Amino acid sequence: MADGSQVQLISYLRQTVREPGRVPRYERLALHLAREIRHGRLAPGTCLPPEPELASLLGVSRQTVHQALTTLARRGLVVRRRGVGTFVTSSQVEQPLPGLYSLFKTLTAQGHAVSSRLLGFRVAADEDASPLLAGGPARPVYELTRLRLVDGKPFAFEALYLPRAVGEALPVDRIAREPLYDLLRECCGVVVARAEETLQPMALDPLLASLLEVKTGDPAFLVERLGYTEDARPVELRRSVIRGDRYRFRVSLAGPIQEPGDSPQGTKEGLVPW
C-alpha cells in the first residue's frame, strides 16, 4: 500500500477510525475496509501492511487492527497466511435466485473466466440417485465429478448423477467447457424445466479442502439440486460444494407473507423414474 491512492486511503481511515463515537474502533475500521474492498479500491490480491505497521499508520492499537482483520477474515474478505501476510480475497460471486439458474452462465455474465476439470465418470449404483433416476436402489446411474474453476482458481466441486442412457450420450470432451443444460438439450433431447434445491453450510473435510485449495474446516455451501423435465421425470441429481469465501446468494422476497402450511411447488411424491 504505497502509491498515492493508498496513502490517501490510509489518511482517510486514520481520520474516520479515530473520531469519537459509540461504535468500537475495530468495527469502524472493519466497516470502512470492507467498503473499500467491495468497491474495488482494495483490489483482490492486495497485501495489507503487517498489523503493527498498520496500527502505527492509523494511530490505533494493534488489538484494534487485529480485531478488525479477524472480522474481515470471518466474512471472507481477507485471508491470513501465517508467516506471509493478510491478503484481500478474490471478489465474491453473487447468485440471484429468481428461478431456475445456471451457475456457469451466472459466472460468465459477471465477467469471470469459467472452466471445469473433469475428475472422473462411471456407471454405478448410488443410494440416493438410483431410486430417483433409475427406479431402484441397485440400478446403475451415470456419475460424473468435476472441479469448477473461476478465473483459474478452484471454486466448486460437483458430483452429478444422470440416468444412465442420458449420461452416456453426453460428449465427455465438451462437459468441461459448456453448460450442462445446453448439452442435455442438444445431445440428449432433455430439457430441465424446473428443480428443487436445498442449501446448507458445511465445513470442508481434508479431501475437499485440498481440491478447493483452502484449509480443512473452512466454510462452504452444500447445494443439492434435483432437476425435472416438463413431464415431472427427475433427470439430474447434483451436489455442489462451493467455497464459502467466494460465493453468496441473493433472494428478492415479495409479499404477502406465506402461512406455515403453504406448500412449495413440486414434491418428491409420484416421481416417474427414467
C-alpha atoms as a PDB file:
ATOM      1  CA  MET A   1       0.000   0.000   0.000  1.00  0.00           C
ATOM      2  CA  ALA A   2       2.484   2.581  -1.135  1.00  0.00           C
ATOM      3  CA  ASP A   3       1.051   4.529  -4.113  1.00  0.00           C
ATOM      4  CA  GLY A   4      -0.785   7.849  -3.887  1.00  0.00           C
ATOM      5  CA  SER A   5      -4.291   6.423  -3.729  1.00  0.00           C
ATOM      6  CA  GLN A   6      -3.310   4.085  -0.922  1.00  0.00           C
ATOM      7  CA  VAL A   7      -1.694   6.929   1.019  1.00  0.00           C
ATOM      8  CA  GLN A   8      -4.988   8.811   0.688  1.00  0.00           C
ATOM      9  CA  LEU A   9      -6.838   5.714   1.907  1.00  0.00           C
ATOM     10  CA  ILE A  10      -4.603   5.463   4.988  1.00  0.00           C
ATOM     11  CA  SER A  11      -5.198   9.145   5.714  1.00  0.00           C
ATOM     12  CA  TYR A  12      -8.965   8.709   5.343  1.00  0.00           C
ATOM     13  CA  LEU A  13      -9.043   5.626   7.564  1.00  0.00           C
ATOM     14  CA  ARG A  14      -6.884   7.309  10.184  1.00  0.00           C
ATOM     15  CA  GLN A  15      -9.293  10.239  10.399  1.00  0.00           C
ATOM     16  CA  THR A  16     -12.545   8.263  10.432  1.00  0.00           C
ATOM     17  CA  VAL A  17     -11.424   5.499  12.788  1.00  0.00           C
ATOM     18  CA  ARG A  18     -10.035   7.893  15.396  1.00  0.00           C
ATOM     19  CA  GLU A  19     -13.129  10.087  15.503  1.00  0.00           C
ATOM     20  CA  PRO A  20     -15.060   9.753  18.778  1.00  0.00           C
ATOM     21  CA  GLY A  21     -18.174   7.628  18.627  1.00  0.00           C
ATOM     22  CA  ARG A  22     -20.141   4.825  20.270  1.00  0.00           C
ATOM     23  CA  VAL A  23     -19.177   2.190  17.703  1.00  0.00           C
ATOM     24  CA  PRO A  24     -15.920   0.463  18.689  1.00  0.00           C
ATOM     25  CA  ARG A  25     -12.927   1.461  16.620  1.00  0.00           C
ATOM     26  CA  TYR A  26     -12.301  -2.054  15.319  1.00  0.00           C
ATOM     27  CA  GLU A  27     -15.864  -2.238  13.982  1.00  0.00           C
ATOM     28  CA  ARG A  28     -15.475   1.095  12.209  1.00  0.00           C
ATOM     29  CA  LEU A  29     -12.153   0.009  10.739  1.00  0.00           C
ATOM     30  CA  ALA A  30     -13.647  -3.291   9.542  1.00  0.00           C
ATOM     31  CA  LEU A  31     -16.631  -1.443   8.061  1.00  0.00           C
ATOM     32  CA  HIS A  32     -14.514   1.006   6.077  1.00  0.00           C
ATOM     33  CA  LEU A  33     -12.045  -1.622   4.878  1.00  0.00           C
ATOM     34  CA  ALA A  34     -14.945  -3.830   3.751  1.00  0.00           C
ATOM     35  CA  ARG A  35     -16.362  -0.897   1.785  1.00  0.00           C
ATOM     36  CA  GLU A  36     -13.023  -0.282   0.067  1.00  0.00           C
ATOM     37  CA  ILE A  37     -12.771  -3.975  -0.858  1.00  0.00           C
ATOM     38  CA  ARG A  38     -16.313  -4.194  -2.226  1.00  0.00           C
ATOM     39  CA  HIS A  39     -15.879  -1.048  -4.293  1.00  0.00           C
ATOM     40  CA  GLY A  40     -12.652  -2.387  -5.782  1.00  0.00           C
ATOM     41  CA  ARG A  41     -10.385   0.254  -4.294  1.00  0.00           C
ATOM     42  CA  LEU A  42      -8.538  -2.521  -2.477  1.00  0.00           C
ATOM     43  CA  ALA A  43      -8.047  -4.997  -5.300  1.00  0.00           C
ATOM     44  CA  PRO A  44      -8.012  -8.784  -4.909  1.00  0.00           C
ATOM     45  CA  GLY A  45      -4.522  -9.971  -4.045  1.00  0.00           C
ATOM     46  CA  THR A  46      -3.534  -6.733  -2.279  1.00  0.00           C
ATOM     47  CA  CYS A  47      -1.263  -7.467   0.682  1.00  0.00           C
ATOM     48  CA  LEU A  48      -2.185  -5.346   3.689  1.00  0.00           C
ATOM     49  CA  PRO A  49       0.594  -3.997   5.920  1.00  0.00           C
ATOM     50  CA  PRO A  50       1.537  -6.138   8.944  1.00  0.00           C
ATOM     51  CA  GLU A  51      -0.640  -5.473  11.984  1.00  0.00           C
ATOM     52  CA  PRO A  52       1.977  -3.431  13.916  1.00  0.00           C
ATOM     53  CA  GLU A  53       2.687  -1.260  10.860  1.00  0.00           C
ATOM     54  CA  LEU A  54      -0.997  -0.748  10.050  1.00  0.00           C
ATOM     55  CA  ALA A  55      -1.707   0.127  13.680  1.00  0.00           C
ATOM     56  CA  SER A  56       1.068   2.697  13.607  1.00  0.00           C
ATOM     57  CA  LEU A  57      -0.137   4.192  10.316  1.00  0.00           C
ATOM     58  CA  LEU A  58      -3.686   4.535  11.647  1.00  0.00           C
ATOM     59  CA  GLY A  59      -2.735   5.673  15.121  1.00  0.00           C
ATOM     60  CA  VAL A  60      -4.685   2.905  16.847  1.00  0.00           C
ATOM     61  CA  SER A  61      -3.766  -0.079  18.962  1.00  0.00           C
ATOM     62  CA  ARG A  62      -2.595  -3.335  17.443  1.00  0.00           C
ATOM     63  CA  GLN A  63      -5.553  -5.051  19.129  1.00  0.00           C
ATOM     64  CA  THR A  64      -7.937  -2.779  17.196  1.00  0.00           C
ATOM     65  CA  VAL A  65      -6.310  -3.773  13.894  1.00  0.00           C
ATOM     66  CA  HIS A  66      -6.247  -7.454  14.873  1.00  0.00           C
ATOM     67  CA  GLN A  67      -9.964  -7.472  15.738  1.00  0.00           C
ATOM     68  CA  ALA A  68     -10.864  -5.629  12.519  1.00  0.00           C
ATOM     69  CA  LEU A  69      -8.897  -8.039  10.322  1.00  0.00           C
ATOM     70  CA  THR A  70     -10.345 -11.017  12.189  1.00  0.00           C
ATOM     71  CA  THR A  71     -13.830  -9.680  11.417  1.00  0.00           C
ATOM     72  CA  LEU A  72     -12.965  -9.334   7.718  1.00  0.00           C
ATOM     73  CA  ALA A  73     -11.447 -12.819   7.627  1.00  0.00           C
ATOM     74  CA  ARG A  74     -14.630 -14.325   9.086  1.00  0.00           C
ATOM     75  CA  ARG A  75     -16.600 -12.606   6.332  1.00  0.00           C
ATOM     76  CA  GLY A  76     -14.286 -13.959   3.652  1.00  0.00           C
ATOM     77  CA  LEU A  77     -12.994 -10.540   2.569  1.00  0.00           C
ATOM     78  CA  VAL A  78      -9.378 -11.190   3.527  1.00  0.00           C
ATOM     79  CA  VAL A  79      -7.311 -14.301   4.019  1.00  0.00           C
ATOM     80  CA  ARG A  80      -4.462 -14.650   6.506  1.00  0.00           C
ATOM     81  CA  ARG A  81      -1.421 -16.712   5.596  1.00  0.00           C
ATOM     82  CA  ARG A  82       0.796 -17.482   8.538  1.00  0.00           C
ATOM     83  CA  GLY A  83       4.267 -16.046   8.053  1.00  0.00           C
ATOM     84  CA  VAL A  84       3.274 -14.387   4.761  1.00  0.00           C
ATOM     85  CA  GLY A  85       0.635 -11.725   5.395  1.00  0.00           C
ATOM     86  CA  THR A  86      -3.011 -10.697   5.075  1.00  0.00           C
ATOM     87  CA  PHE A  87      -4.418 -10.518   1.544  1.00  0.00           C
ATOM     88  CA  VAL A  88      -7.618  -9.184   0.023  1.00  0.00           C
ATOM     89  CA  THR A  89      -9.529 -12.144  -1.395  1.00  0.00           C
ATOM     90  CA  SER A  90     -10.941 -12.507  -4.885  1.00  0.00           C
ATOM     91  CA  SER A  91     -14.267 -10.827  -5.431  1.00  0.00           C
ATOM     92  CA  GLN A  92     -17.332 -12.808  -4.417  1.00  0.00           C
ATOM     93  CA  VAL A  93     -19.759 -14.267  -6.905  1.00  0.00           C
ATOM     94  CA  GLU A  94     -23.359 -13.338  -6.208  1.00  0.00           C
ATOM     95  CA  GLN A  95     -26.100 -15.716  -7.344  1.00  0.00           C
ATOM     96  CA  PRO A  96     -29.580 -14.171  -7.608  1.00  0.00           C
ATOM     97  CA  LEU A  97     -32.376 -16.679  -7.032  1.00  0.00           C
ATOM     98  CA  PRO A  98     -35.309 -15.561  -9.193  1.00  0.00           C
ATOM     99  CA  GLY A  99     -35.862 -19.070 -10.531  1.00  0.00           C
ATOM    100  CA  LEU A 100     -34.012 -21.879 -12.291  1.00  0.00           C
ATOM    101  CA  TYR A 101     -30.426 -20.723 -12.874  1.00  0.00           C
ATOM    102  CA  SER A 102     -27.175 -21.908 -14.417  1.00  0.00           C
ATOM    103  CA  LEU A 103     -24.069 -21.272 -12.320  1.00  0.00           C
ATOM    104  CA  PHE A 104     -21.937 -21.387 -15.484  1.00  0.00           C
ATOM    105  CA  LYS A 105     -23.997 -18.642 -17.130  1.00  0.00           C
ATOM    106  CA  THR A 106     -24.144 -16.528 -13.952  1.00  0.00           C
ATOM    107  CA  LEU A 107     -20.363 -16.558 -13.663  1.00  0.00           C
ATOM    108  CA  THR A 108     -19.850 -15.798 -17.338  1.00  0.00           C
ATOM    109  CA  ALA A 109     -22.339 -12.917 -17.244  1.00  0.00           C
ATOM    110  CA  GLN A 110     -20.439 -11.391 -14.314  1.00  0.00           C
ATOM    111  CA  GLY A 111     -17.263 -11.320 -16.393  1.00  0.00           C
ATOM    112  CA  HIS A 112     -15.493 -14.327 -14.908  1.00  0.00           C
ATOM    113  CA  ALA A 113     -13.478 -16.856 -16.872  1.00  0.00           C
ATOM    114  CA  VAL A 114     -15.113 -20.229 -16.174  1.00  0.00           C
ATOM    115  CA  SER A 115     -13.688 -23.672 -16.826  1.00  0.00           C
ATOM    116  CA  SER A 116     -14.049 -27.193 -15.480  1.00  0.00           C
ATOM    117  CA  ARG A 117     -11.669 -30.027 -14.747  1.00  0.00           C
ATOM    118  CA  LEU A 118     -13.244 -33.426 -15.244  1.00  0.00           C
ATOM    119  CA  LEU A 119     -12.231 -35.622 -12.308  1.00  0.00           C
ATOM    120  CA  GLY A 120     -13.961 -38.837 -13.357  1.00  0.00           C
ATOM    121  CA  PHE A 121     -17.078 -40.588 -14.591  1.00  0.00           C
ATOM    122  CA  ARG A 122     -18.535 -44.036 -14.134  1.00  0.00           C
ATOM    123  CA  VAL A 123     -21.701 -46.116 -14.195  1.00  0.00           C
ATOM    124  CA  ALA A 124     -22.637 -47.332 -10.715  1.00  0.00           C
ATOM    125  CA  ALA A 125     -25.491 -47.573  -8.228  1.00  0.00           C
ATOM    126  CA  ASP A 126     -25.931 -44.751  -5.726  1.00  0.00           C
ATOM    127  CA  GLU A 127     -28.213 -44.999  -2.710  1.00  0.00           C
ATOM    128  CA  ASP A 128     -29.706 -41.541  -3.254  1.00  0.00           C
ATOM    129  CA  ALA A 129     -29.580 -41.154  -7.031  1.00  0.00           C
ATOM    130  CA  SER A 130     -30.539 -44.678  -8.146  1.00  0.00           C
ATOM    131  CA  PRO A 131     -34.065 -44.706  -6.637  1.00  0.00           C
ATOM    132  CA  LEU A 132     -34.780 -41.265  -8.112  1.00  0.00           C
ATOM    133  CA  LEU A 133     -33.215 -41.634 -11.549  1.00  0.00           C
ATOM    134  CA  ALA A 134     -33.261 -45.378 -12.216  1.00  0.00           C
ATOM    135  CA  GLY A 135     -36.247 -46.686 -10.255  1.00  0.00           C
ATOM    136  CA  GLY A 136     -34.412 -48.809  -7.688  1.00  0.00           C
ATOM    137  CA  PRO A 137     -31.532 -48.662  -5.171  1.00  0.00           C
ATOM    138  CA  ALA A 138     -29.435 -51.257  -7.008  1.00  0.00           C
ATOM    139  CA  ARG A 139     -29.918 -49.877 -10.512  1.00  0.00           C
ATOM    140  CA  PRO A 140     -26.951 -48.037 -12.053  1.00  0.00           C
ATOM    141  CA  VAL A 141     -26.832 -44.345 -12.864  1.00  0.00           C
ATOM    142  CA  TYR A 142     -24.232 -42.225 -14.622  1.00  0.00           C
ATOM    143  CA  GLU A 143     -21.981 -40.398 -12.157  1.00  0.00           C
ATOM    144  CA  LEU A 144     -19.709 -37.535 -13.152  1.00  0.00           C
ATOM    145  CA  THR A 145     -17.416 -35.486 -10.890  1.00  0.00           C
ATOM    146  CA  ARG A 146     -15.729 -32.252 -11.819  1.00  0.00           C
ATOM    147  CA  LEU A 147     -13.944 -29.258 -10.331  1.00  0.00           C
ATOM    148  CA  ARG A 148     -15.278 -25.864 -11.378  1.00  0.00           C
ATOM    149  CA  LEU A 149     -12.679 -23.110 -11.717  1.00  0.00           C
ATOM    150  CA  VAL A 150     -13.339 -19.383 -11.749  1.00  0.00           C
ATOM    151  CA  ASP A 151     -10.614 -17.111 -13.065  1.00  0.00           C
ATOM    152  CA  GLY A 152      -8.275 -20.077 -12.937  1.00  0.00           C
ATOM    153  CA  LYS A 153      -8.845 -20.870  -9.247  1.00  0.00           C
ATOM    154  CA  PRO A 154     -10.868 -23.737  -7.720  1.00  0.00           C
ATOM    155  CA  PHE A 155     -14.382 -22.593  -6.908  1.00  0.00           C
ATOM    156  CA  ALA A 156     -16.669 -25.622  -6.537  1.00  0.00           C
ATOM    157  CA  PHE A 157     -16.647 -29.408  -6.518  1.00  0.00           C
ATOM    158  CA  GLU A 158     -19.613 -31.074  -8.217  1.00  0.00           C
ATOM    159  CA  ALA A 159     -20.950 -34.609  -8.265  1.00  0.00           C
ATOM    160  CA  LEU A 160     -23.580 -35.074 -10.972  1.00  0.00           C
ATOM    161  CA  TYR A 161     -25.907 -38.059 -11.326  1.00  0.00           C
ATOM    162  CA  LEU A 162     -27.925 -38.652 -14.503  1.00  0.00           C
ATOM    163  CA  PRO A 163     -29.995 -41.528 -15.913  1.00  0.00           C
ATOM    164  CA  ARG A 164     -27.508 -43.939 -17.462  1.00  0.00           C
ATOM    165  CA  ALA A 165     -28.708 -43.538 -21.052  1.00  0.00           C
ATOM    166  CA  VAL A 166     -28.618 -39.743 -20.740  1.00  0.00           C
ATOM    167  CA  GLY A 167     -25.144 -39.613 -19.238  1.00  0.00           C
ATOM    168  CA  GLU A 168     -23.657 -41.978 -21.795  1.00  0.00           C
ATOM    169  CA  ALA A 169     -24.985 -39.793 -24.611  1.00  0.00           C
ATOM    170  CA  LEU A 170     -23.077 -36.724 -23.393  1.00  0.00           C
ATOM    171  CA  PRO A 171     -19.822 -35.792 -25.198  1.00  0.00           C
ATOM    172  CA  VAL A 172     -17.286 -36.009 -22.390  1.00  0.00           C
ATOM    173  CA  ASP A 173     -14.841 -33.689 -24.139  1.00  0.00           C
ATOM    174  CA  ARG A 174     -17.415 -30.836 -24.076  1.00  0.00           C
ATOM    175  CA  ILE A 175     -18.512 -31.172 -20.454  1.00  0.00           C
ATOM    176  CA  ALA A 176     -15.508 -29.193 -19.235  1.00  0.00           C
ATOM    177  CA  ARG A 177     -16.293 -26.084 -21.280  1.00  0.00           C
ATOM    178  CA  GLU A 178     -20.054 -25.903 -21.911  1.00  0.00           C
ATOM    179  CA  PRO A 179     -23.139 -25.558 -19.670  1.00  0.00           C
ATOM    180  CA  LEU A 180     -24.610 -28.942 -18.771  1.00  0.00           C
ATOM    181  CA  TYR A 181     -28.201 -27.955 -19.545  1.00  0.00           C
ATOM    182  CA  ASP A 182     -27.226 -26.833 -23.048  1.00  0.00           C
ATOM    183  CA  LEU A 183     -25.547 -30.205 -23.669  1.00  0.00           C
ATOM    184  CA  LEU A 184     -28.538 -32.120 -22.311  1.00  0.00           C
ATOM    185  CA  ARG A 185     -30.836 -30.266 -24.684  1.00  0.00           C
ATOM    186  CA  GLU A 186     -28.577 -30.573 -27.737  1.00  0.00           C
ATOM    187  CA  CYS A 187     -27.227 -34.095 -27.327  1.00  0.00           C
ATOM    188  CA  CYS A 188     -29.946 -35.889 -25.368  1.00  0.00           C
ATOM    189  CA  GLY A 189     -33.144 -34.013 -26.166  1.00  0.00           C
ATOM    190  CA  VAL A 190     -33.613 -33.432 -22.436  1.00  0.00           C
ATOM    191  CA  VAL A 191     -34.829 -30.083 -21.104  1.00  0.00           C
ATOM    192  CA  VAL A 192     -34.640 -29.365 -17.375  1.00  0.00           C
ATOM    193  CA  ALA A 193     -37.838 -27.407 -16.784  1.00  0.00           C
ATOM    194  CA  ARG A 194     -37.741 -26.982 -13.013  1.00  0.00           C
ATOM    195  CA  ALA A 195     -35.725 -28.016  -9.990  1.00  0.00           C
ATOM    196  CA  GLU A 196     -35.821 -28.318  -6.226  1.00  0.00           C
ATOM    197  CA  GLU A 197     -32.745 -27.060  -4.434  1.00  0.00           C
ATOM    198  CA  THR A 198     -31.502 -27.030  -0.856  1.00  0.00           C
ATOM    199  CA  LEU A 199     -28.644 -25.026   0.585  1.00  0.00           C
ATOM    200  CA  GLN A 200     -26.784 -25.604   3.828  1.00  0.00           C
ATOM    201  CA  PRO A 201     -23.459 -24.522   5.313  1.00  0.00           C
ATOM    202  CA  MET A 202     -20.756 -27.085   5.911  1.00  0.00           C
ATOM    203  CA  ALA A 203     -17.130 -27.374   6.994  1.00  0.00           C
ATOM    204  CA  LEU A 204     -14.724 -28.822   4.440  1.00  0.00           C
ATOM    205  CA  ASP A 205     -13.086 -32.180   5.061  1.00  0.00           C
ATOM    206  CA  PRO A 206      -9.396 -32.657   4.143  1.00  0.00           C
ATOM    207  CA  LEU A 207     -10.106 -34.062   0.662  1.00  0.00           C
ATOM    208  CA  LEU A 208     -12.499 -31.315  -0.428  1.00  0.00           C
ATOM    209  CA  ALA A 209     -10.321 -28.633   1.169  1.00  0.00           C
ATOM    210  CA  SER A 210      -7.359 -29.919  -0.844  1.00  0.00           C
ATOM    211  CA  LEU A 211      -9.343 -29.863  -4.093  1.00  0.00           C
ATOM    212  CA  LEU A 212     -10.613 -26.328  -3.434  1.00  0.00           C
ATOM    213  CA  GLU A 213      -7.186 -25.155  -2.212  1.00  0.00           C
ATOM    214  CA  VAL A 214      -8.368 -23.938   1.180  1.00  0.00           C
ATOM    215  CA  LYS A 215      -7.925 -25.156   4.741  1.00  0.00           C
ATOM    216  CA  THR A 216      -9.603 -28.145   6.338  1.00  0.00           C
ATOM    217  CA  GLY A 217     -12.607 -26.885   8.286  1.00  0.00           C
ATOM    218  CA  ASP A 218     -13.085 -23.764   6.157  1.00  0.00           C
ATOM    219  CA  PRO A 219     -16.742 -22.901   5.448  1.00  0.00           C
ATOM    220  CA  ALA A 220     -18.528 -23.912   2.267  1.00  0.00           C
ATOM    221  CA  PHE A 221     -22.034 -24.202   0.839  1.00  0.00           C
ATOM    222  CA  LEU A 222     -23.510 -27.604   0.073  1.00  0.00           C
ATOM    223  CA  VAL A 223     -26.084 -27.078  -2.687  1.00  0.00           C
ATOM    224  CA  GLU A 224     -28.186 -30.085  -3.687  1.00  0.00           C
ATOM    225  CA  ARG A 225     -30.419 -29.898  -6.758  1.00  0.00           C
ATOM    226  CA  LEU A 226     -32.957 -32.312  -8.170  1.00  0.00           C
ATOM    227  CA  GLY A 227     -33.910 -31.351 -11.721  1.00  0.00           C
ATOM    228  CA  TYR A 228     -37.075 -32.390 -13.569  1.00  0.00           C
ATOM    229  CA  THR A 229     -38.285 -32.444 -17.147  1.00  0.00           C
ATOM    230  CA  GLU A 230     -41.616 -30.895 -18.098  1.00  0.00           C
ATOM    231  CA  ASP A 231     -43.372 -34.259 -17.592  1.00  0.00           C
ATOM    232  CA  ALA A 232     -42.098 -34.500 -13.990  1.00  0.00           C
ATOM    233  CA  ARG A 233     -39.335 -37.011 -14.667  1.00  0.00           C
ATOM    234  CA  PRO A 234     -36.288 -36.488 -12.416  1.00  0.00           C
ATOM    235  CA  VAL A 235     -33.289 -36.167 -14.716  1.00  0.00           C
ATOM    236  CA  GLU A 236     -30.494 -34.773 -12.574  1.00  0.00           C
ATOM    237  CA  LEU A 237     -29.243 -35.027  -9.013  1.00  0.00           C
ATOM    238  CA  ARG A 238     -26.433 -32.607  -8.349  1.00  0.00           C
ATOM    239  CA  ARG A 239     -24.336 -31.989  -5.237  1.00  0.00           C
ATOM    240  CA  SER A 240     -22.195 -28.869  -5.374  1.00  0.00           C
ATOM    241  CA  VAL A 241     -19.714 -27.882  -2.674  1.00  0.00           C
ATOM    242  CA  ILE A 242     -18.904 -24.195  -3.181  1.00  0.00           C
ATOM    243  CA  ARG A 243     -16.234 -22.190  -1.396  1.00  0.00           C
ATOM    244  CA  GLY A 244     -17.871 -20.061   1.273  1.00  0.00           C
ATOM    245  CA  ASP A 245     -15.370 -17.220   0.910  1.00  0.00           C
ATOM    246  CA  ARG A 246     -16.251 -16.583  -2.733  1.00  0.00           C
ATOM    247  CA  TYR A 247     -19.987 -17.122  -3.031  1.00  0.00           C
ATOM    248  CA  ARG A 248     -23.204 -15.662  -1.736  1.00  0.00           C
ATOM    249  CA  PHE A 249     -26.894 -15.912  -2.611  1.00  0.00           C
ATOM    250  CA  ARG A 250     -29.349 -13.059  -3.059  1.00  0.00           C
ATOM    251  CA  VAL A 251     -33.110 -13.525  -2.843  1.00  0.00           C
ATOM    252  CA  SER A 252     -35.830 -10.967  -3.536  1.00  0.00           C
ATOM    253  CA  LEU A 253     -38.764 -11.574  -1.211  1.00  0.00           C
ATOM    254  CA  ALA A 254     -42.205 -10.364  -2.255  1.00  0.00           C
ATOM    255  CA  GLY A 255     -45.311 -10.360  -0.083  1.00  0.00           C
ATOM    256  CA  PRO A 256     -47.708 -11.380   1.168  1.00  0.00           C
ATOM    257  CA  ILE A 257     -46.129 -13.463   3.915  1.00  0.00           C
ATOM    258  CA  GLN A 258     -46.740 -17.166   3.357  1.00  0.00           C
ATOM    259  CA  GLU A 259     -48.505 -19.110   6.050  1.00  0.00           C
ATOM    260  CA  PRO A 260     -46.613 -22.066   7.602  1.00  0.00           C
ATOM    261  CA  GLY A 261     -48.948 -24.583   5.937  1.00  0.00           C
ATOM    262  CA  ASP A 262     -48.261 -23.328   2.408  1.00  0.00           C
ATOM    263  CA  SER A 263     -46.559 -25.967   0.261  1.00  0.00           C
ATOM    264  CA  PRO A 264     -43.877 -25.119  -2.301  1.00  0.00           C
ATOM    265  CA  GLN A 265     -44.380 -26.230  -5.861  1.00  0.00           C
ATOM    266  CA  GLY A 266     -43.242 -29.772  -6.555  1.00  0.00           C
ATOM    267  CA  THR A 267     -42.831 -32.659  -4.169  1.00  0.00           C
ATOM    268  CA  LYS A 268     -40.934 -35.903  -4.340  1.00  0.00           C
ATOM    269  CA  GLU A 269     -44.120 -37.941  -4.335  1.00  0.00           C
ATOM    270  CA  GLY A 270     -45.207 -39.682  -7.500  1.00  0.00           C
ATOM    271  CA  LEU A 271     -41.880 -39.369  -9.312  1.00  0.00           C
ATOM    272  CA  VAL A 272     -41.609 -41.141 -12.639  1.00  0.00           C
ATOM    273  CA  PRO A 273     -38.038 -42.503 -12.984  1.00  0.00           C
ATOM    274  CA  TRP A 274     -36.237 -42.966 -16.255  1.00  0.00           C
END
